[in-house]
Amino acid sequence: IGDRVVNDVAPKDRDIAMVFQSYALYPHMSVFDN
């Protein structure tokens, strides 16, 4: 990603955001909290 090899970088540290097929929303949270 850019000039950085991310093979061993944790997902949270890759500066990416993923939208899943199932949406993966927390059912007990409001839209704002999600």
ModelCIF file with pLDDT and N, C-alpha, C, O atoms, coordinates in Angstrom:
data_MODEL
#
_entry.id   MODEL 
#
_entity.id                         1 
_entity.type                       polymer 
_entity.pdbx_number_of_molecules   1 
#
_entity_poly.entity_id                      1 
_entity_poly.type                           'polypeptide(L)' 
_entity_poly.nstd_linkage                   no 
_entity_poly.nstd_monomer                   no 
_entity_poly.pdbx_seq_one_letter_code       IGDRVVNDVAPKDRDIAMVFQSYALYPHMSVFDN 
_entity_poly.pdbx_seq_one_letter_code_can   IGDRVVNDVAPKDRDIAMVFQSYALYPHMSVFDN 
_entity_poly.pdbx_strand_id                 A 
#
loop_
_entity_poly_seq.entity_id 
_entity_poly_seq.num 
_entity_poly_seq.mon_id 
_entity_poly_seq.hetero 
1 1  ILE n 
1 2  GLY n 
1 3  ASP n 
1 4  ARG n 
1 5  VAL n 
1 6  VAL n 
1 7  ASN n 
1 8  ASP n 
1 9  VAL n 
1 10 ALA n 
1 11 PRO n 
1 12 LYS n 
1 13 ASP n 
1 14 ARG n 
1 15 ASP n 
1 16 ILE n 
1 17 ALA n 
1 18 MET n 
1 19 VAL n 
1 20 PHE n 
1 21 GLN n 
1 22 SER n 
1 23 TYR n 
1 24 ALA n 
1 25 LEU n 
1 26 TYR n 
1 27 PRO n 
1 28 HIS n 
1 29 MET n 
1 30 SER n 
1 31 VAL n 
1 32 PHE n 
1 33 ASP n 
1 34 ASN n 
#
_struct_asym.id          A 
_struct_asym.entity_id   1 
#
loop_
_ma_qa_metric.id 
_ma_qa_metric.mode 
_ma_qa_metric.name 
_ma_qa_metric.software_group_id 
_ma_qa_metric.type 
1 global pLDDT . pLDDT 
2 local  pLDDT . pLDDT 
#
_ma_qa_metric_global.metric_id      1 
_ma_qa_metric_global.metric_value   92.44 
_ma_qa_metric_global.model_id       1 
_ma_qa_metric_global.ordinal_id     1 
#
loop_
_ma_qa_metric_local.label_asym_id 
_ma_qa_metric_local.label_comp_id 
_ma_qa_metric_local.label_seq_id 
_ma_qa_metric_local.metric_id 
_ma_qa_metric_local.metric_value 
_ma_qa_metric_local.model_id 
_ma_qa_metric_local.ordinal_id 
A ILE 1  2 96.00 1 1  
A GLY 2  2 94.00 1 2  
A ASP 3  2 92.00 1 3  
A ARG 4  2 95.00 1 4  
A VAL 5  2 97.00 1 5  
A VAL 6  2 97.00 1 6  
A ASN 7  2 96.00 1 7  
A ASP 8  2 96.00 1 8  
A VAL 9  2 96.00 1 9  
A ALA 10 2 95.00 1 10 
A PRO 11 2 93.00 1 11 
A LYS 12 2 89.00 1 12 
A ASP 13 2 92.00 1 13 
A ARG 14 2 93.00 1 14 
A ASP 15 2 91.00 1 15 
A ILE 16 2 93.00 1 16 
A ALA 17 2 92.00 1 17 
A MET 18 2 91.00 1 18 
A VAL 19 2 89.00 1 19 
A PHE 20 2 85.00 1 20 
A GLN 21 2 83.00 1 21 
A SER 22 2 84.00 1 22 
A TYR 23 2 85.00 1 23 
A ALA 24 2 86.00 1 24 
A LEU 25 2 92.00 1 25 
A TYR 26 2 92.00 1 26 
A PRO 27 2 94.00 1 27 
A HIS 28 2 94.00 1 28 
A MET 29 2 95.00 1 29 
A SER 30 2 96.00 1 30 
A VAL 31 2 95.00 1 31 
A PHE 32 2 96.00 1 32 
A ASP 33 2 95.00 1 33 
A ASN 34 2 94.00 1 34 
#
loop_
_atom_site.group_PDB 
_atom_site.id 
_atom_site.type_symbol 
_atom_site.label_atom_id 
_atom_site.label_alt_id 
_atom_site.label_comp_id 
_atom_site.label_asym_id 
_atom_site.label_entity_id 
_atom_site.label_seq_id 
_atom_site.pdbx_PDB_ins_code 
_atom_site.Cartn_x 
_atom_site.Cartn_y 
_atom_site.Cartn_z 
_atom_site.occupancy 
_atom_site.B_iso_or_equiv 
_atom_site.pdbx_formal_charge 
_atom_site.auth_seq_id 
_atom_site.auth_comp_id 
_atom_site.auth_asym_id 
_atom_site.auth_atom_id 
_atom_site.pdbx_PDB_model_num 
ATOM 1   N N  . ILE A 1 1  ? 0.879   -1.172 0.000  1.00 96.00 ? 1  ILE A N  1 
ATOM 2   C CA . ILE A 1 1  ? 0.000   0.000  0.000  1.00 96.00 ? 1  ILE A CA 1 
ATOM 3   C C  . ILE A 1 1  ? 0.909   1.213  0.000  1.00 96.00 ? 1  ILE A C  1 
ATOM 4   O O  . ILE A 1 1  ? 1.645   1.441  0.959  1.00 96.00 ? 1  ILE A O  1 
ATOM 5   N N  . GLY A 1 2  ? 0.861   1.990  -1.068 1.00 94.00 ? 2  GLY A N  1 
ATOM 6   C CA . GLY A 1 2  ? 1.877   3.019  -1.270 1.00 94.00 ? 2  GLY A CA 1 
ATOM 7   C C  . GLY A 1 2  ? 3.213   2.338  -1.497 1.00 94.00 ? 2  GLY A C  1 
ATOM 8   O O  . GLY A 1 2  ? 3.315   1.412  -2.302 1.00 94.00 ? 2  GLY A O  1 
ATOM 9   N N  . ASP A 1 3  ? 4.227   2.788  -0.795 1.00 92.00 ? 3  ASP A N  1 
ATOM 10  C CA . ASP A 1 3  ? 5.564   2.187  -0.918 1.00 92.00 ? 3  ASP A CA 1 
ATOM 11  C C  . ASP A 1 3  ? 5.857   1.196  0.194  1.00 92.00 ? 3  ASP A C  1 
ATOM 12  O O  . ASP A 1 3  ? 6.982   0.708  0.305  1.00 92.00 ? 3  ASP A O  1 
ATOM 13  N N  . ARG A 1 4  ? 4.858   0.890  1.025  1.00 95.00 ? 4  ARG A N  1 
ATOM 14  C CA . ARG A 1 4  ? 5.079   0.040  2.196  1.00 95.00 ? 4  ARG A CA 1 
ATOM 15  C C  . ARG A 1 4  ? 4.583   -1.373 1.941  1.00 95.00 ? 4  ARG A C  1 
ATOM 16  O O  . ARG A 1 4  ? 3.432   -1.569 1.549  1.00 95.00 ? 4  ARG A O  1 
ATOM 17  N N  . VAL A 1 5  ? 5.446   -2.360 2.162  1.00 97.00 ? 5  VAL A N  1 
ATOM 18  C CA . VAL A 1 5  ? 5.043   -3.763 2.106  1.00 97.00 ? 5  VAL A CA 1 
ATOM 19  C C  . VAL A 1 5  ? 4.252   -4.070 3.371  1.00 97.00 ? 5  VAL A C  1 
ATOM 20  O O  . VAL A 1 5  ? 4.732   -3.845 4.482  1.00 97.00 ? 5  VAL A O  1 
ATOM 21  N N  . VAL A 1 6  ? 3.027   -4.588 3.196  1.00 97.00 ? 6  VAL A N  1 
ATOM 22  C CA . VAL A 1 6  ? 2.140   -4.777 4.345  1.00 97.00 ? 6  VAL A CA 1 
ATOM 23  C C  . VAL A 1 6  ? 1.888   -6.245 4.660  1.00 97.00 ? 6  VAL A C  1 
ATOM 24  O O  . VAL A 1 6  ? 0.963   -6.566 5.406  1.00 97.00 ? 6  VAL A O  1 
ATOM 25  N N  . ASN A 1 7  ? 2.695   -7.136 4.102  1.00 96.00 ? 7  ASN A N  1 
ATOM 26  C CA . ASN A 1 7  ? 2.494   -8.573 4.355  1.00 96.00 ? 7  ASN A CA 1 
ATOM 27  C C  . ASN A 1 7  ? 2.368   -8.895 5.840  1.00 96.00 ? 7  ASN A C  1 
ATOM 28  O O  . ASN A 1 7  ? 1.529   -9.705 6.232  1.00 96.00 ? 7  ASN A O  1 
ATOM 29  N N  . ASP A 1 8  ? 3.202   -8.261 6.666  1.00 96.00 ? 8  ASP A N  1 
ATOM 30  C CA . ASP A 1 8  ? 3.228   -8.565 8.093  1.00 96.00 ? 8  ASP A CA 1 
ATOM 31  C C  . ASP A 1 8  ? 2.599   -7.462 8.950  1.00 96.00 ? 8  ASP A C  1 
ATOM 32  O O  . ASP A 1 8  ? 2.778   -7.432 10.167 1.00 96.00 ? 8  ASP A O  1 
ATOM 33  N N  . VAL A 1 9  ? 1.864   -6.561 8.302  1.00 96.00 ? 9  VAL A N  1 
ATOM 34  C CA . VAL A 1 9  ? 1.204   -5.470 9.027  1.00 96.00 ? 9  VAL A CA 1 
ATOM 35  C C  . VAL A 1 9  ? -0.212  -5.906 9.403  1.00 96.00 ? 9  VAL A C  1 
ATOM 36  O O  . VAL A 1 9  ? -0.935  -6.458 8.573  1.00 96.00 ? 9  VAL A O  1 
ATOM 37  N N  . ALA A 1 10 ? -0.602  -5.661 10.643 1.00 95.00 ? 10 ALA A N  1 
ATOM 38  C CA . ALA A 1 10 ? -1.940  -6.036 11.109 1.00 95.00 ? 10 ALA A CA 1 
ATOM 39  C C  . ALA A 1 10 ? -3.006  -5.269 10.328 1.00 95.00 ? 10 ALA A C  1 
ATOM 40  O O  . ALA A 1 10 ? -2.766  -4.138 9.904  1.00 95.00 ? 10 ALA A O  1 
ATOM 41  N N  . PRO A 1 11 ? -4.181  -5.872 10.135 1.00 93.00 ? 11 PRO A N  1 
ATOM 42  C CA . PRO A 1 11 ? -5.247  -5.189 9.379  1.00 93.00 ? 11 PRO A CA 1 
ATOM 43  C C  . PRO A 1 11 ? -5.562  -3.790 9.906  1.00 93.00 ? 11 PRO A C  1 
ATOM 44  O O  . PRO A 1 11 ? -5.793  -2.877 9.114  1.00 93.00 ? 11 PRO A O  1 
ATOM 45  N N  . LYS A 1 12 ? -5.576  -3.607 11.209 1.00 89.00 ? 12 LYS A N  1 
ATOM 46  C CA . LYS A 1 12 ? -5.931  -2.311 11.796 1.00 89.00 ? 12 LYS A CA 1 
ATOM 47  C C  . LYS A 1 12 ? -4.897  -1.237 11.503 1.00 89.00 ? 12 LYS A C  1 
ATOM 48  O O  . LYS A 1 12 ? -5.184  -0.045 11.614 1.00 89.00 ? 12 LYS A O  1 
ATOM 49  N N  . ASP A 1 13 ? -3.688  -1.660 11.126 1.00 92.00 ? 13 ASP A N  1 
ATOM 50  C CA . ASP A 1 13 ? -2.611  -0.703 10.872 1.00 92.00 ? 13 ASP A CA 1 
ATOM 51  C C  . ASP A 1 13 ? -2.363  -0.467 9.381  1.00 92.00 ? 13 ASP A C  1 
ATOM 52  O O  . ASP A 1 13 ? -1.391  0.197  9.021  1.00 92.00 ? 13 ASP A O  1 
ATOM 53  N N  . ARG A 1 14 ? -3.214  -0.992 8.518  1.00 93.00 ? 14 ARG A N  1 
ATOM 54  C CA . ARG A 1 14 ? -3.008  -0.847 7.076  1.00 93.00 ? 14 ARG A CA 1 
ATOM 55  C C  . ARG A 1 14 ? -3.676  0.402  6.498  1.00 93.00 ? 14 ARG A C  1 
ATOM 56  O O  . ARG A 1 14 ? -3.493  0.718  5.323  1.00 93.00 ? 14 ARG A O  1 
ATOM 57  N N  . ASP A 1 15 ? -4.436  1.098  7.308  1.00 91.00 ? 15 ASP A N  1 
ATOM 58  C CA . ASP A 1 15 ? -5.145  2.306  6.876  1.00 91.00 ? 15 ASP A CA 1 
ATOM 59  C C  . ASP A 1 15 ? -6.079  2.024  5.706  1.00 91.00 ? 15 ASP A C  1 
ATOM 60  O O  . ASP A 1 15 ? -6.096  2.736  4.702  1.00 91.00 ? 15 ASP A O  1 
ATOM 61  N N  . ILE A 1 16 ? -6.860  0.950  5.880  1.00 93.00 ? 16 ILE A N  1 
ATOM 62  C CA . ILE A 1 16 ? -7.874  0.586  4.896  1.00 93.00 ? 16 ILE A CA 1 
ATOM 63  C C  . ILE A 1 16 ? -9.221  0.487  5.597  1.00 93.00 ? 16 ILE A C  1 
ATOM 64  O O  . ILE A 1 16 ? -9.280  0.367  6.820  1.00 93.00 ? 16 ILE A O  1 
ATOM 65  N N  . ALA A 1 17 ? -10.292 0.535  4.831  1.00 92.00 ? 17 ALA A N  1 
ATOM 66  C CA . ALA A 1 17 ? -11.631 0.309  5.374  1.00 92.00 ? 17 ALA A CA 1 
ATOM 67  C C  . ALA A 1 17 ? -12.350 -0.648 4.445  1.00 92.00 ? 17 ALA A C  1 
ATOM 68  O O  . ALA A 1 17 ? -12.284 -0.509 3.223  1.00 92.00 ? 17 ALA A O  1 
ATOM 69  N N  . MET A 1 18 ? -13.042 -1.627 5.031  1.00 91.00 ? 18 MET A N  1 
ATOM 70  C CA . MET A 1 18 ? -13.667 -2.673 4.220  1.00 91.00 ? 18 MET A CA 1 
ATOM 71  C C  . MET A 1 18 ? -15.179 -2.657 4.415  1.00 91.00 ? 18 MET A C  1 
ATOM 72  O O  . MET A 1 18 ? -15.673 -2.545 5.537  1.00 91.00 ? 18 MET A O  1 
ATOM 73  N N  . VAL A 1 19 ? -15.902 -2.770 3.310  1.00 89.00 ? 19 VAL A N  1 
ATOM 74  C CA . VAL A 1 19 ? -17.354 -2.897 3.332  1.00 89.00 ? 19 VAL A CA 1 
ATOM 75  C C  . VAL A 1 19 ? -17.689 -4.325 2.922  1.00 89.00 ? 19 VAL A C  1 
ATOM 76  O O  . VAL A 1 19 ? -17.343 -4.760 1.823  1.00 89.00 ? 19 VAL A O  1 
ATOM 77  N N  . PHE A 1 20 ? -18.367 -5.055 3.813  1.00 85.00 ? 20 PHE A N  1 
ATOM 78  C CA . PHE A 1 20 ? -18.624 -6.469 3.585  1.00 85.00 ? 20 PHE A CA 1 
ATOM 79  C C  . PHE A 1 20 ? -19.961 -6.697 2.890  1.00 85.00 ? 20 PHE A C  1 
ATOM 80  O O  . PHE A 1 20 ? -20.852 -5.848 2.912  1.00 85.00 ? 20 PHE A O  1 
ATOM 81  N N  . GLN A 1 21 ? -20.069 -7.865 2.275  1.00 83.00 ? 21 GLN A N  1 
ATOM 82  C CA . GLN A 1 21 ? -21.299 -8.260 1.580  1.00 83.00 ? 21 GLN A CA 1 
ATOM 83  C C  . GLN A 1 21 ? -22.485 -8.288 2.539  1.00 83.00 ? 21 GLN A C  1 
ATOM 84  O O  . GLN A 1 21 ? -23.601 -7.929 2.162  1.00 83.00 ? 21 GLN A O  1 
ATOM 85  N N  . SER A 1 22 ? -22.245 -8.715 3.780  1.00 84.00 ? 22 SER A N  1 
ATOM 86  C CA . SER A 1 22 ? -23.320 -8.862 4.764  1.00 84.00 ? 22 SER A CA 1 
ATOM 87  C C  . SER A 1 22 ? -23.548 -7.596 5.583  1.00 84.00 ? 22 SER A C  1 
ATOM 88  O O  . SER A 1 22 ? -24.375 -7.592 6.494  1.00 84.00 ? 22 SER A O  1 
ATOM 89  N N  . TYR A 1 23 ? -22.823 -6.521 5.270  1.00 85.00 ? 23 TYR A N  1 
ATOM 90  C CA . TYR A 1 23 ? -22.889 -5.221 5.956  1.00 85.00 ? 23 TYR A CA 1 
ATOM 91  C C  . TYR A 1 23 ? -22.183 -5.250 7.307  1.00 85.00 ? 23 TYR A C  1 
ATOM 92  O O  . TYR A 1 23 ? -21.519 -4.279 7.670  1.00 85.00 ? 23 TYR A O  1 
ATOM 93  N N  . ALA A 1 24 ? -22.314 -6.371 8.080  1.00 86.00 ? 24 ALA A N  1 
ATOM 94  C CA . ALA A 1 24 ? -21.620 -6.536 9.366  1.00 86.00 ? 24 ALA A CA 1 
ATOM 95  C C  . ALA A 1 24 ? -21.912 -5.388 10.329 1.00 86.00 ? 24 ALA A C  1 
ATOM 96  O O  . ALA A 1 24 ? -20.999 -4.852 10.955 1.00 86.00 ? 24 ALA A O  1 
ATOM 97  N N  . LEU A 1 25 ? -23.188 -5.013 10.447 1.00 92.00 ? 25 LEU A N  1 
ATOM 98  C CA . LEU A 1 25 ? -23.588 -3.973 11.392 1.00 92.00 ? 25 LEU A CA 1 
ATOM 99  C C  . LEU A 1 25 ? -23.905 -4.608 12.747 1.00 92.00 ? 25 LEU A C  1 
ATOM 100 O O  . LEU A 1 25 ? -24.402 -5.732 12.815 1.00 92.00 ? 25 LEU A O  1 
ATOM 101 N N  . TYR A 1 26 ? -23.613 -3.876 13.822 1.00 92.00 ? 26 TYR A N  1 
ATOM 102 C CA . TYR A 1 26 ? -23.937 -4.360 15.168 1.00 92.00 ? 26 TYR A CA 1 
ATOM 103 C C  . TYR A 1 26 ? -25.423 -4.113 15.423 1.00 92.00 ? 26 TYR A C  1 
ATOM 104 O O  . TYR A 1 26 ? -25.858 -2.961 15.440 1.00 92.00 ? 26 TYR A O  1 
ATOM 105 N N  . PRO A 1 27 ? -26.209 -5.172 15.620 1.00 94.00 ? 27 PRO A N  1 
ATOM 106 C CA . PRO A 1 27 ? -27.675 -5.002 15.695 1.00 94.00 ? 27 PRO A CA 1 
ATOM 107 C C  . PRO A 1 27 ? -28.149 -4.224 16.916 1.00 94.00 ? 27 PRO A C  1 
ATOM 108 O O  . PRO A 1 27 ? -29.218 -3.614 16.879 1.00 94.00 ? 27 PRO A O  1 
ATOM 109 N N  . HIS A 1 28 ? -27.366 -4.237 18.009 1.00 94.00 ? 28 HIS A N  1 
ATOM 110 C CA . HIS A 1 28 ? -27.789 -3.577 19.241 1.00 94.00 ? 28 HIS A CA 1 
ATOM 111 C C  . HIS A 1 28 ? -27.391 -2.103 19.279 1.00 94.00 ? 28 HIS A C  1 
ATOM 112 O O  . HIS A 1 28 ? -27.766 -1.382 20.204 1.00 94.00 ? 28 HIS A O  1 
ATOM 113 N N  . MET A 1 29 ? -26.620 -1.646 18.263 1.00 95.00 ? 29 MET A N  1 
ATOM 114 C CA . MET A 1 29 ? -26.158 -0.260 18.238 1.00 95.00 ? 29 MET A CA 1 
ATOM 115 C C  . MET A 1 29 ? -26.991 0.566  17.268 1.00 95.00 ? 29 MET A C  1 
ATOM 116 O O  . MET A 1 29 ? -27.533 0.046  16.293 1.00 95.00 ? 29 MET A O  1 
ATOM 117 N N  . SER A 1 30 ? -27.082 1.857  17.552 1.00 96.00 ? 30 SER A N  1 
ATOM 118 C CA . SER A 1 30 ? -27.731 2.776  16.622 1.00 96.00 ? 30 SER A CA 1 
ATOM 119 C C  . SER A 1 30 ? -26.845 2.969  15.392 1.00 96.00 ? 30 SER A C  1 
ATOM 120 O O  . SER A 1 30 ? -25.680 2.570  15.376 1.00 96.00 ? 30 SER A O  1 
ATOM 121 N N  . VAL A 1 31 ? -27.426 3.592  14.359 1.00 95.00 ? 31 VAL A N  1 
ATOM 122 C CA . VAL A 1 31 ? -26.644 3.906  13.165 1.00 95.00 ? 31 VAL A CA 1 
ATOM 123 C C  . VAL A 1 31 ? -25.442 4.765  13.530 1.00 95.00 ? 31 VAL A C  1 
ATOM 124 O O  . VAL A 1 31 ? -24.334 4.523  13.051 1.00 95.00 ? 31 VAL A O  1 
ATOM 125 N N  . PHE A 1 32 ? -25.660 5.774  14.381 1.00 96.00 ? 32 PHE A N  1 
ATOM 126 C CA . PHE A 1 32 ? -24.553 6.645  14.794 1.00 96.00 ? 32 PHE A CA 1 
ATOM 127 C C  . PHE A 1 32 ? -23.454 5.829  15.449 1.00 96.00 ? 32 PHE A C  1 
ATOM 128 O O  . PHE A 1 32 ? -22.282 5.987  15.107 1.00 96.00 ? 32 PHE A O  1 
ATOM 129 N N  . ASP A 1 33 ? -23.813 4.954  16.390 1.00 95.00 ? 33 ASP A N  1 
ATOM 130 C CA . ASP A 1 33 ? -22.798 4.180  17.114 1.00 95.00 ? 33 ASP A CA 1 
ATOM 131 C C  . ASP A 1 33 ? -22.092 3.184  16.205 1.00 95.00 ? 33 ASP A C  1 
ATOM 132 O O  . ASP A 1 33 ? -20.901 2.922  16.375 1.00 95.00 ? 33 ASP A O  1 
ATOM 133 N N  . ASN A 1 34 ? -22.819 2.627  15.239 1.00 94.00 ? 34 ASN A N  1 
ATOM 134 C CA . ASN A 1 34 ? -22.173 1.736  14.278 1.00 94.00 ? 34 ASN A CA 1 
ATOM 135 C C  . ASN A 1 34 ? -21.109 2.494  13.487 1.00 94.00 ? 34 ASN A C  1 
ATOM 136 O O  . ASN A 1 34 ? -20.451 1.913  12.624 1.00 94.00 ? 34 ASN A O  1 
#
